[in-house]
Amino acid sequence: MEYVKTRTIMTKADGGDKWFGIDYHMNLYKGCSFGCIYCDSRSDCYHISNFDEVKTKVDALEILESELASKGYRGVVSFGKLSDPYNPYEEKLEITRNALKLILKYGFGVSIDTKSDLILRDLDLLTEIAKTNSVIVKISITTYDDELAKKLEPYVLSSTKRFEVLKKLRKAGIFAGVLMTPVLPFLTDNEENIRQMIECSKKADAKFIYTKMGMNLKTNQRAYYYRKIEELYPGLSQDYEAVYGNKNVCNSLQYRHLMEIFLNLSHQYGILTDMEEIISAYKKEVLMNEQISLF
């Protein structure tokens, strides 16, 4: 494990950032060892060298505590924007777990993105945080098909097991759902995958499913993705280049049709899909408590 120096851990979310109602971003780790071939965090704009090697930050918890203590607004802190907070090293290091203890101590809420079942270890802390502030967990799942997922995400828990993690979170009362991003053109942007993802989410009692029905392809990340795609499916990278060229945003060619299926079936099952509705659902109680406290 390499330790890198840093001055800050938390950054305030931009005023226009509506991503799940997050107030502060935080990355306790740099890089990720899960090997997802499509990961947007490989992009040059994030300045993470040797992305597949996990690094952590010198005195991360001490810096975090100082920052939490100094914040006037006890908002929602995001774990996992650029790297999964439950990478394999976390089981021993417990940096994420100790950060959650600080979140609880200082009365903040938490938003977590993960593909790992290690999050279940911290159910005790998430449950305690949820008593006084907002908690949302997004289980990242790209496809219901375990064999395809193994190719796209070689070192990640199977999709089937991730749905089981979601079900356990929901059984414990945690506001949790599915982050179905990205949707990969020519691979996961088909009716069967979209329907099965929703069916599996329903069985796991997901509160929400969020998708953009496409993917990002930025500098560096694009080259890496094309190289990996060519290894798995010779010739497919040429199809990407022909359709998307150098576009950063690559929506499915079946965008309208698949979004219609996605929205109709999700709404039929009572699963939230709209960002504003998701935010309102998991932050509403805390907002009411804050308003009540004024009186």
Protein backbone atom coordinates (compact mmCIF):
# COMPACT_ATOMS: atom_id res chain seq x y z
CA MET A 1 0.00 0.00 0.00
CA GLU A 2 1.36 3.37 -1.04
CA TYR A 3 0.53 6.40 1.11
CA VAL A 4 0.26 9.76 -0.65
CA LYS A 5 0.27 13.19 0.94
CA THR A 6 -2.80 15.39 0.87
CA ARG A 7 -3.96 18.63 2.44
CA THR A 8 -7.69 17.97 2.28
CA ILE A 9 -10.06 15.01 2.31
CA MET A 10 -13.47 16.66 1.89
CA THR A 11 -14.50 19.05 -0.87
CA LYS A 12 -17.78 20.91 -1.02
CA ALA A 13 -20.06 19.83 -3.85
CA ASP A 14 -20.59 22.44 -6.52
CA GLY A 15 -23.82 24.39 -6.13
CA GLY A 16 -25.10 22.99 -9.41
CA ASP A 17 -24.23 19.40 -8.51
CA LYS A 18 -27.52 17.53 -8.07
CA TRP A 19 -25.90 14.09 -7.88
CA PHE A 20 -28.00 12.33 -5.23
CA GLY A 21 -28.17 15.45 -3.06
CA ILE A 22 -24.54 15.17 -2.00
CA ASP A 23 -23.10 18.11 -0.05
CA TYR A 24 -19.47 16.99 0.26
CA HIS A 25 -17.24 14.70 -1.80
CA MET A 26 -14.56 12.54 -0.24
CA ASN A 27 -12.14 9.89 -1.49
CA LEU A 28 -10.17 8.07 1.19
CA TYR A 29 -8.49 5.89 -1.43
CA LYS A 30 -7.01 6.65 -4.84
CA GLY A 31 -7.25 4.10 -7.63
CA CYS A 32 -9.15 0.83 -7.65
CA SER A 33 -8.29 -2.85 -8.02
CA PHE A 34 -11.65 -4.07 -9.34
CA GLY A 35 -10.55 -3.80 -12.97
CA CYS A 36 -13.80 -2.52 -14.50
CA ILE A 37 -12.88 -1.88 -18.11
CA TYR A 38 -15.30 1.05 -18.51
CA CYS A 39 -14.41 3.05 -15.39
CA ASP A 40 -14.71 6.80 -15.96
CA SER A 41 -12.20 7.45 -13.17
CA ARG A 42 -9.40 6.41 -15.54
CA SER A 43 -9.93 9.68 -17.40
CA ASP A 44 -7.01 12.11 -17.50
CA CYS A 45 -9.15 14.83 -15.93
CA TYR A 46 -8.98 13.07 -12.54
CA HIS A 47 -5.17 12.90 -12.50
CA ILE A 48 -4.95 9.40 -10.98
CA SER A 49 -1.76 7.69 -12.12
CA ASN A 50 -1.55 3.87 -12.17
CA PHE A 51 -5.28 3.67 -11.55
CA ASP A 52 -5.30 -0.09 -10.94
CA GLU A 53 -3.02 0.33 -7.92
CA VAL A 54 -4.85 1.32 -4.74
CA LYS A 55 -3.31 4.09 -2.68
CA THR A 56 -4.47 5.81 0.48
CA LYS A 57 -3.67 9.15 2.05
CA VAL A 58 -1.29 10.05 4.87
CA ASP A 59 -3.17 11.01 8.06
CA ALA A 60 -6.49 10.73 6.20
CA LEU A 61 -8.61 10.19 9.30
CA GLU A 62 -6.96 12.99 11.27
CA ILE A 63 -7.51 15.43 8.41
CA LEU A 64 -11.08 14.24 7.98
CA GLU A 65 -11.91 14.73 11.66
CA SER A 66 -10.55 18.27 11.57
CA GLU A 67 -12.63 19.06 8.49
CA LEU A 68 -15.82 17.54 9.89
CA ALA A 69 -15.43 19.47 13.13
CA SER A 70 -15.05 22.75 11.23
CA LYS A 71 -18.11 22.42 8.96
CA GLY A 72 -21.16 24.43 9.92
CA TYR A 73 -23.58 22.43 7.78
CA ARG A 74 -23.94 18.74 8.66
CA GLY A 75 -24.73 17.59 5.14
CA VAL A 76 -24.30 14.34 3.22
CA VAL A 77 -20.74 13.16 2.59
CA SER A 78 -20.08 11.03 -0.49
CA PHE A 79 -17.87 7.94 -0.31
CA GLY A 80 -16.70 6.42 -3.59
CA LYS A 81 -17.01 9.01 -6.34
CA LEU A 82 -13.66 8.04 -7.92
CA SER A 83 -12.71 4.77 -6.19
CA ASP A 84 -14.64 2.11 -4.33
CA PRO A 85 -14.41 2.70 -0.56
CA TYR A 86 -14.65 -1.07 0.02
CA ASN A 87 -11.67 -2.27 -1.99
CA PRO A 88 -9.95 -5.46 -0.70
CA TYR A 89 -7.47 -3.48 1.43
CA GLU A 90 -10.30 -1.94 3.42
CA GLU A 91 -11.02 -5.23 5.20
CA LYS A 92 -7.73 -4.91 7.06
CA LEU A 93 -7.12 -1.15 7.09
CA GLU A 94 -10.68 -0.15 8.10
CA ILE A 95 -10.17 3.41 6.87
CA THR A 96 -13.73 3.61 5.52
CA ARG A 97 -15.14 2.11 8.73
CA ASN A 98 -13.28 4.60 10.91
CA ALA A 99 -14.39 7.44 8.65
CA LEU A 100 -17.99 6.33 9.18
CA LYS A 101 -17.40 6.47 12.93
CA LEU A 102 -16.34 10.10 12.50
CA ILE A 103 -19.40 10.80 10.32
CA LEU A 104 -21.54 9.45 13.14
CA LYS A 105 -19.64 11.36 15.82
CA TYR A 106 -20.08 14.72 14.08
CA GLY A 107 -23.65 14.16 12.90
CA PHE A 108 -23.22 14.04 9.12
CA GLY A 109 -25.12 11.99 6.54
CA VAL A 110 -23.52 9.61 4.09
CA SER A 111 -23.81 8.50 0.46
CA ILE A 112 -21.92 5.37 -0.58
CA ASP A 113 -21.22 3.88 -4.02
CA THR A 114 -19.84 0.34 -4.00
CA LYS A 115 -19.67 -3.02 -5.75
CA SER A 116 -18.52 -4.88 -2.63
CA ASP A 117 -20.26 -6.96 0.04
CA LEU A 118 -17.80 -5.58 2.61
CA ILE A 119 -20.28 -2.77 3.18
CA LEU A 120 -22.37 -5.24 5.19
CA ARG A 121 -19.65 -5.21 7.84
CA ASP A 122 -20.57 -1.59 8.54
CA LEU A 123 -24.33 -2.03 8.78
CA ASP A 124 -24.14 -1.17 12.48
CA LEU A 125 -22.70 2.27 11.73
CA LEU A 126 -24.97 2.96 8.77
CA THR A 127 -28.00 2.11 10.90
CA GLU A 128 -26.86 4.47 13.66
CA ILE A 129 -26.14 7.31 11.22
CA ALA A 130 -29.59 6.84 9.66
CA LYS A 131 -31.24 7.52 13.01
CA THR A 132 -30.19 11.18 12.93
CA ASN A 133 -29.17 11.96 9.35
CA SER A 134 -29.47 10.85 5.73
CA VAL A 135 -28.05 7.57 4.43
CA ILE A 136 -28.17 6.35 0.85
CA VAL A 137 -26.31 3.36 -0.60
CA LYS A 138 -25.93 2.83 -4.35
CA ILE A 139 -24.96 -0.71 -5.36
CA SER A 140 -23.31 -0.40 -8.76
CA ILE A 141 -24.51 -3.11 -11.16
CA THR A 142 -24.03 -2.99 -14.93
CA THR A 143 -25.70 -6.21 -16.03
CA TYR A 144 -27.74 -9.02 -14.47
CA ASP A 145 -25.65 -11.54 -16.47
CA ASP A 146 -22.88 -12.88 -14.21
CA GLU A 147 -20.80 -14.20 -17.12
CA LEU A 148 -20.84 -10.89 -18.95
CA ALA A 149 -20.16 -9.00 -15.71
CA LYS A 150 -17.09 -11.16 -15.12
CA LYS A 151 -15.67 -9.99 -18.43
CA LEU A 152 -16.46 -6.32 -17.86
CA GLU A 153 -15.64 -6.26 -14.13
CA PRO A 154 -13.11 -9.06 -13.65
CA TYR A 155 -12.37 -8.64 -9.94
CA VAL A 156 -15.82 -7.68 -8.67
CA LEU A 157 -18.45 -9.60 -6.76
CA SER A 158 -20.94 -11.25 -9.14
CA SER A 159 -24.07 -9.33 -10.03
CA THR A 160 -26.20 -11.99 -8.35
CA LYS A 161 -24.32 -11.50 -5.08
CA ARG A 162 -24.52 -7.73 -5.38
CA PHE A 163 -28.30 -7.97 -5.58
CA GLU A 164 -28.13 -10.10 -2.42
CA VAL A 165 -26.12 -7.35 -0.72
CA LEU A 166 -28.81 -4.86 -1.73
CA LYS A 167 -31.52 -7.08 -0.29
CA LYS A 168 -29.68 -7.31 3.04
CA LEU A 169 -29.23 -3.55 3.19
CA ARG A 170 -32.92 -3.04 2.55
CA LYS A 171 -33.87 -5.64 5.15
CA ALA A 172 -31.82 -3.64 7.65
CA GLY A 173 -33.83 -0.55 6.76
CA ILE A 174 -31.14 1.25 4.74
CA PHE A 175 -32.30 3.43 1.83
CA ALA A 176 -30.53 1.58 -0.97
CA GLY A 177 -30.89 0.94 -4.67
CA VAL A 178 -29.09 0.26 -7.94
CA LEU A 179 -26.73 2.51 -9.85
CA MET A 180 -27.10 1.14 -13.38
CA THR A 181 -24.28 3.15 -14.89
CA PRO A 182 -22.81 2.84 -17.35
CA VAL A 183 -25.06 1.16 -19.90
CA LEU A 184 -22.60 -0.04 -22.53
CA PRO A 185 -23.56 0.34 -26.20
CA PHE A 186 -23.62 -2.98 -28.10
CA LEU A 187 -23.19 -4.95 -24.84
CA THR A 188 -25.70 -4.13 -22.10
CA ASP A 189 -28.07 -1.77 -23.96
CA ASN A 190 -30.65 -4.38 -24.86
CA GLU A 191 -34.21 -4.98 -23.74
CA GLU A 192 -33.45 -8.26 -21.96
CA ASN A 193 -30.76 -6.71 -19.78
CA ILE A 194 -32.85 -3.67 -18.89
CA ARG A 195 -35.90 -5.77 -17.99
CA GLN A 196 -33.88 -8.29 -15.98
CA MET A 197 -32.05 -5.55 -14.11
CA ILE A 198 -35.38 -4.11 -13.01
CA GLU A 199 -36.81 -7.53 -12.13
CA CYS A 200 -33.76 -8.35 -10.00
CA SER A 201 -33.93 -4.92 -8.37
CA LYS A 202 -37.58 -5.47 -7.50
CA LYS A 203 -36.78 -8.83 -5.90
CA ALA A 204 -34.06 -7.14 -3.85
CA ASP A 205 -36.55 -4.47 -2.72
CA ALA A 206 -34.55 -1.64 -4.30
CA LYS A 207 -35.83 1.83 -3.44
CA PHE A 208 -34.47 3.22 -6.70
CA ILE A 209 -32.68 2.49 -9.95
CA TYR A 210 -30.76 5.27 -11.63
CA THR A 211 -29.36 5.22 -15.15
CA LYS A 212 -28.36 7.53 -17.97
CA MET A 213 -28.68 4.77 -20.62
CA GLY A 214 -25.21 5.35 -21.97
CA MET A 215 -21.59 5.80 -21.00
CA ASN A 216 -18.79 8.36 -20.89
CA LEU A 217 -15.67 7.95 -22.98
CA LYS A 218 -13.04 10.55 -22.19
CA THR A 219 -9.35 10.84 -22.98
CA ASN A 220 -7.20 7.95 -21.74
CA GLN A 221 -10.28 6.07 -20.56
CA ARG A 222 -11.45 5.74 -24.18
CA ALA A 223 -8.16 4.21 -25.32
CA TYR A 224 -8.13 1.79 -22.38
CA TYR A 225 -11.75 0.74 -22.97
CA TYR A 226 -11.24 0.21 -26.71
CA ARG A 227 -8.17 -1.90 -26.04
CA LYS A 228 -10.02 -4.11 -23.55
CA ILE A 229 -13.11 -4.37 -25.75
CA GLU A 230 -10.95 -5.44 -28.67
CA GLU A 231 -9.43 -8.22 -26.53
CA LEU A 232 -12.89 -9.47 -25.53
CA TYR A 233 -14.80 -8.84 -28.76
CA PRO A 234 -12.49 -8.37 -31.78
CA GLY A 235 -13.83 -5.71 -34.12
CA LEU A 236 -16.24 -4.12 -31.65
CA SER A 237 -13.98 -1.13 -30.96
CA GLN A 238 -14.33 -0.21 -34.64
CA ASP A 239 -18.11 -0.07 -34.21
CA TYR A 240 -17.65 2.33 -31.30
CA GLU A 241 -15.32 4.52 -33.31
CA ALA A 242 -17.68 4.56 -36.29
CA VAL A 243 -20.71 5.57 -34.21
CA TYR A 244 -19.24 7.77 -31.48
CA GLY A 245 -15.90 9.01 -32.75
CA ASN A 246 -14.40 11.26 -30.08
CA LYS A 247 -17.66 12.03 -28.27
CA ASN A 248 -17.44 12.10 -24.47
CA VAL A 249 -21.08 11.15 -23.96
CA CYS A 250 -22.09 7.96 -25.78
CA ASN A 251 -25.79 7.24 -25.37
CA SER A 252 -27.28 3.95 -26.51
CA LEU A 253 -28.53 3.93 -30.09
CA GLN A 254 -31.77 2.54 -28.61
CA TYR A 255 -31.94 5.29 -25.99
CA ARG A 256 -35.63 6.26 -26.39
CA HIS A 257 -36.93 2.71 -26.66
CA LEU A 258 -34.92 1.42 -23.70
CA MET A 259 -35.70 4.45 -21.52
CA GLU A 260 -39.40 3.94 -22.17
CA ILE A 261 -39.15 0.31 -21.06
CA PHE A 262 -37.00 1.28 -18.09
CA LEU A 263 -39.32 4.02 -16.85
CA ASN A 264 -42.57 2.13 -17.41
CA LEU A 265 -41.48 -1.08 -15.69
CA SER A 266 -39.74 0.70 -12.82
CA HIS A 267 -42.78 2.85 -12.14
CA GLN A 268 -45.01 -0.21 -12.36
CA TYR A 269 -42.99 -1.74 -9.53
CA GLY A 270 -42.88 1.48 -7.51
CA ILE A 271 -39.12 1.90 -7.93
CA LEU A 272 -37.89 5.48 -8.05
CA THR A 273 -35.93 6.58 -11.14
CA ASP A 274 -35.95 10.39 -11.05
CA MET A 275 -33.01 12.07 -9.33
CA GLU A 276 -35.11 14.73 -7.61
CA GLU A 277 -37.56 12.12 -6.31
CA ILE A 278 -34.74 9.96 -4.98
CA ILE A 279 -33.18 12.92 -3.19
CA SER A 280 -36.50 13.96 -1.71
CA ALA A 281 -37.22 10.43 -0.52
CA TYR A 282 -34.01 9.87 1.40
CA LYS A 283 -33.36 13.43 2.65
CA LYS A 284 -36.92 14.44 3.51
CA GLU A 285 -36.93 13.31 7.13
CA VAL A 286 -33.68 15.13 7.95
CA LEU A 287 -34.93 18.31 6.31
CA MET A 288 -38.08 18.17 8.40
CA ASN A 289 -36.07 17.67 11.56
CA GLU A 290 -33.92 20.68 10.70
CA GLN A 291 -37.00 22.83 10.14
CA ILE A 292 -38.59 21.66 13.38
CA SER A 293 -35.41 22.46 15.29
CA LEU A 294 -35.75 26.10 14.25
CA PHE A 295 -38.86 26.37 16.38
